């Protein structure tokens, strides 16, 4: 299988199906994987890209087999398990999906799928999005009676999984670090005792005009995950990189990174943004001299 690889900054953006790309990556090399996979049929990415090119006015969701979708994810996260080092983490942002009046409990099924593959479940973090009241919660205002409650959907899940190690004392990412390396990766705890110390993180979502991708997670979310679950120069991987939020956060944090994406339009956007980030870092460095 031939892939297109685009070196940029401290990493590579690779165009292709992540299942095929993962088979070519070395075993036990990735310290942190962070991604947000497609949420069933929430987004039609092919039609969204056509809309970006002006080939259609809007994109439409389409029916997707839940069984086939589950197998699609399990195959790829099983392939991911091979390339993550023992003790390394696989962090996944995921949410229930609403379709035809029904809510699919995708995150809760997903945890079971990951455990079947061999990942250890470690943490459940709730990403709370501070957004205005929506029409869903307004149903109770129109019908103030029991049974009409539909809360506003302001949260997604961030699940932390870990690859098992043969020895318990090596099931972490710090056992092999030198004192100097730990010192160079000190985490700023000045604001830790507030919201960061809890498993509910309040982070503003990305506004539609801020990104061409239809559903990017905030760079702040990636910043936090990368800071908490990797060291400088570690390899960070996003197997569904989208608009490159993980790659940009990794570039900022001095990590090596790989992003895998199928859509050419998103890859061009990622490269442009990472180069802009590098130029900004260079400008800031020169200004500080």
Foldseek 3Di string as FASTA:
>chain_A
DDWDWDDFFLEIEIADQLLVVLVVADFAAAQEEEEEDDAFQPDDVVVLVCVVVVNDVDDDTDDGDPVVVLVSVLSNVLSVLGRHHQLGKYKYKYAWDDDPRDTHRVVVVVVVSNVVSQWAWDDKAKEFAPDDADVQQCQCVVPVDPPRGGGDPGIIIITMTGHHDPDPVPNHDPPPDDPVQCVVLDDDCPPCVPQVVDRYHYDHADDCVRDSFPHDGALVVLLVCCSVRHTAQGEYEYSDCQLNSNVQSCSVRNYYYYYYHHDPVSVVNNNVVSVVSVVVVVVVVVVVD
